[in-house]
Amino acid sequence: MLTEPHPHTPDGRYFVVRGRLWRTSNPDIPVSERVTLVSELMAARRAIRDARGEPDQTRQARARVDAAKTALGERGPVWWTDGEPDYNRHLVRNTPYAAWHADLTSDA
């Protein structure tokens, strides 16, 4: 049964939104650093909103979002070390998590 709005895969690497996997932040980032990075991410997202109609400012704000998400481990090189591939942004049904997700949603 789905009990959380966005279920996380059993290994904690992804959460699922509308059938698509999204990489989670690196759980090994210290809390103080995570807070700083999330604050920067939110500020960069607000900067995108505020830059509407200004292509250069929008581009700069998007680069800030990308840098924050990369530092959090949500983009760029994977944060796990076991050699498993990255399924970020893949449809869950096309990944090794398909059976897990099917079982999860069949109880809903």
C-alpha atoms as a PDB file:
ATOM      1  CA  MET A   1       0.000   0.000   0.000  1.00  0.00           C
ATOM      2  CA  LEU A   2       1.274   3.494  -0.825  1.00  0.00           C
ATOM      3  CA  THR A   3       1.659   5.251   2.507  1.00  0.00           C
ATOM      4  CA  GLU A   4       4.028   8.064   1.566  1.00  0.00           C
ATOM      5  CA  PRO A   5       3.451  10.590  -1.212  1.00  0.00           C
ATOM      6  CA  HIS A   6       6.624   9.553  -3.033  1.00  0.00           C
ATOM      7  CA  PRO A   7       7.796   6.050  -2.206  1.00  0.00           C
ATOM      8  CA  HIS A   8      11.526   5.419  -1.972  1.00  0.00           C
ATOM      9  CA  THR A   9      13.154   2.354  -3.469  1.00  0.00           C
ATOM     10  CA  PRO A  10      14.280  -0.248  -0.925  1.00  0.00           C
ATOM     11  CA  ASP A  11      17.932   0.779  -1.410  1.00  0.00           C
ATOM     12  CA  GLY A  12      17.091   4.465  -0.839  1.00  0.00           C
ATOM     13  CA  ARG A  13      18.630   5.609  -4.111  1.00  0.00           C
ATOM     14  CA  TYR A  14      15.439   6.881  -5.752  1.00  0.00           C
ATOM     15  CA  PHE A  15      11.941   8.078  -5.074  1.00  0.00           C
ATOM     16  CA  VAL A  16       9.088   7.555  -7.528  1.00  0.00           C
ATOM     17  CA  VAL A  17       6.839  10.271  -8.950  1.00  0.00           C
ATOM     18  CA  ARG A  18       4.217   9.336 -11.553  1.00  0.00           C
ATOM     19  CA  GLY A  19       6.066   6.134 -12.412  1.00  0.00           C
ATOM     20  CA  ARG A  20       9.474   7.750 -12.874  1.00  0.00           C
ATOM     21  CA  LEU A  21      12.584   7.313 -10.719  1.00  0.00           C
ATOM     22  CA  TRP A  22      14.309  10.401  -9.335  1.00  0.00           C
ATOM     23  CA  ARG A  23      17.659  10.139  -7.579  1.00  0.00           C
ATOM     24  CA  THR A  24      17.689  11.064  -3.907  1.00  0.00           C
ATOM     25  CA  SER A  25      20.308  13.214  -2.248  1.00  0.00           C
ATOM     26  CA  ASN A  26      23.448  11.576  -0.960  1.00  0.00           C
ATOM     27  CA  PRO A  27      22.604  10.443   2.591  1.00  0.00           C
ATOM     28  CA  ASP A  28      26.268  10.803   3.614  1.00  0.00           C
ATOM     29  CA  ILE A  29      26.278  14.598   3.246  1.00  0.00           C
ATOM     30  CA  PRO A  30      26.584  16.147   6.719  1.00  0.00           C
ATOM     31  CA  VAL A  31      23.388  17.826   7.922  1.00  0.00           C
ATOM     32  CA  SER A  32      24.897  21.304   8.094  1.00  0.00           C
ATOM     33  CA  GLU A  33      26.153  21.033   4.502  1.00  0.00           C
ATOM     34  CA  ARG A  34      22.808  19.614   3.340  1.00  0.00           C
ATOM     35  CA  VAL A  35      20.947  22.553   4.913  1.00  0.00           C
ATOM     36  CA  THR A  36      23.240  25.016   3.127  1.00  0.00           C
ATOM     37  CA  LEU A  37      22.854  23.230  -0.217  1.00  0.00           C
ATOM     38  CA  VAL A  38      19.068  22.970   0.060  1.00  0.00           C
ATOM     39  CA  SER A  39      18.888  26.679   0.935  1.00  0.00           C
ATOM     40  CA  GLU A  40      20.936  27.488  -2.161  1.00  0.00           C
ATOM     41  CA  LEU A  41      18.734  25.213  -4.278  1.00  0.00           C
ATOM     42  CA  MET A  42      15.562  26.946  -3.092  1.00  0.00           C
ATOM     43  CA  ALA A  43      17.108  30.402  -3.637  1.00  0.00           C
ATOM     44  CA  ALA A  44      18.143  29.381  -7.161  1.00  0.00           C
ATOM     45  CA  ARG A  45      14.633  28.128  -7.912  1.00  0.00           C
ATOM     46  CA  ARG A  46      13.212  31.455  -6.725  1.00  0.00           C
ATOM     47  CA  ALA A  47      15.758  33.208  -8.951  1.00  0.00           C
ATOM     48  CA  ILE A  48      14.432  31.255 -11.942  1.00  0.00           C
ATOM     49  CA  ARG A  49      10.914  32.387 -11.099  1.00  0.00           C
ATOM     50  CA  ASP A  50      12.024  35.989 -10.671  1.00  0.00           C
ATOM     51  CA  ALA A  51      14.040  36.000 -13.916  1.00  0.00           C
ATOM     52  CA  ARG A  52      11.104  35.388 -16.249  1.00  0.00           C
ATOM     53  CA  GLY A  53      11.683  37.177 -19.510  1.00  0.00           C
ATOM     54  CA  GLU A  54      15.380  37.661 -18.776  1.00  0.00           C
ATOM     55  CA  PRO A  55      17.262  34.904 -20.655  1.00  0.00           C
ATOM     56  CA  ASP A  56      20.698  35.620 -19.168  1.00  0.00           C
ATOM     57  CA  GLN A  57      19.416  35.712 -15.599  1.00  0.00           C
ATOM     58  CA  THR A  58      17.343  32.576 -16.202  1.00  0.00           C
ATOM     59  CA  ARG A  59      20.374  30.749 -17.576  1.00  0.00           C
ATOM     60  CA  GLN A  60      22.470  31.776 -14.556  1.00  0.00           C
ATOM     61  CA  ALA A  61      19.750  30.706 -12.118  1.00  0.00           C
ATOM     62  CA  ARG A  62      19.374  27.346 -13.848  1.00  0.00           C
ATOM     63  CA  ALA A  63      23.122  26.836 -13.584  1.00  0.00           C
ATOM     64  CA  ARG A  64      22.840  27.494  -9.831  1.00  0.00           C
ATOM     65  CA  VAL A  65      20.061  24.882  -9.559  1.00  0.00           C
ATOM     66  CA  ASP A  66      22.185  22.376 -11.436  1.00  0.00           C
ATOM     67  CA  ALA A  67      25.218  23.075  -9.242  1.00  0.00           C
ATOM     68  CA  ALA A  68      23.197  22.626  -6.046  1.00  0.00           C
ATOM     69  CA  LYS A  69      21.547  19.420  -7.261  1.00  0.00           C
ATOM     70  CA  THR A  70      24.936  18.064  -8.348  1.00  0.00           C
ATOM     71  CA  ALA A  71      26.447  18.905  -4.949  1.00  0.00           C
ATOM     72  CA  LEU A  72      23.510  17.135  -3.265  1.00  0.00           C
ATOM     73  CA  GLY A  73      24.153  14.053  -5.404  1.00  0.00           C
ATOM     74  CA  GLU A  74      20.860  14.253  -7.286  1.00  0.00           C
ATOM     75  CA  ARG A  75      22.685  14.856 -10.580  1.00  0.00           C
ATOM     76  CA  GLY A  76      26.136  14.106 -11.892  1.00  0.00           C
ATOM     77  CA  PRO A  77      28.150  11.114 -10.704  1.00  0.00           C
ATOM     78  CA  VAL A  78      26.253   8.644  -8.531  1.00  0.00           C
ATOM     79  CA  TRP A  79      26.901   8.730  -4.806  1.00  0.00           C
ATOM     80  CA  TRP A  80      26.869   4.969  -4.269  1.00  0.00           C
ATOM     81  CA  THR A  81      30.029   2.946  -4.722  1.00  0.00           C
ATOM     82  CA  ASP A  82      28.877  -0.564  -5.606  1.00  0.00           C
ATOM     83  CA  GLY A  83      29.027  -0.041  -9.368  1.00  0.00           C
ATOM     84  CA  GLU A  84      25.266  -0.243  -9.931  1.00  0.00           C
ATOM     85  CA  PRO A  85      24.033   1.855 -12.866  1.00  0.00           C
ATOM     86  CA  ASP A  86      22.040   5.049 -12.529  1.00  0.00           C
ATOM     87  CA  TYR A  87      18.340   4.869 -13.400  1.00  0.00           C
ATOM     88  CA  ASN A  88      17.610   8.528 -12.664  1.00  0.00           C
ATOM     89  CA  ARG A  89      14.621   9.774 -14.675  1.00  0.00           C
ATOM     90  CA  HIS A  90      13.887   6.294 -16.064  1.00  0.00           C
ATOM     91  CA  LEU A  91      10.392   4.883 -15.996  1.00  0.00           C
ATOM     92  CA  VAL A  92      10.360   2.501 -13.061  1.00  0.00           C
ATOM     93  CA  ARG A  93       8.721  -0.205 -15.184  1.00  0.00           C
ATOM     94  CA  ASN A  94      11.851  -0.305 -17.380  1.00  0.00           C
ATOM     95  CA  THR A  95      14.271  -0.851 -14.490  1.00  0.00           C
ATOM     96  CA  PRO A  96      15.161  -3.570 -11.996  1.00  0.00           C
ATOM     97  CA  TYR A  97      12.737  -1.827  -9.596  1.00  0.00           C
ATOM     98  CA  ALA A  98       9.713  -2.746 -11.732  1.00  0.00           C
ATOM     99  CA  ALA A  99       8.556  -5.736  -9.652  1.00  0.00           C
ATOM    100  CA  TRP A 100       9.004  -3.832  -6.389  1.00  0.00           C
ATOM    101  CA  HIS A 101       6.918  -0.938  -7.726  1.00  0.00           C
ATOM    102  CA  ALA A 102       4.257  -3.231  -9.168  1.00  0.00           C
ATOM    103  CA  ASP A 103       3.882  -4.907  -5.773  1.00  0.00           C
ATOM    104  CA  LEU A 104       3.722  -1.535  -4.077  1.00  0.00           C
ATOM    105  CA  THR A 105       1.048  -0.126  -6.360  1.00  0.00           C
ATOM    106  CA  SER A 106      -1.013  -3.324  -6.520  1.00  0.00           C
ATOM    107  CA  ASP A 107      -1.854  -2.849  -2.837  1.00  0.00           C
ATOM    108  CA  ALA A 108      -3.039   0.728  -3.363  1.00  0.00           C
END
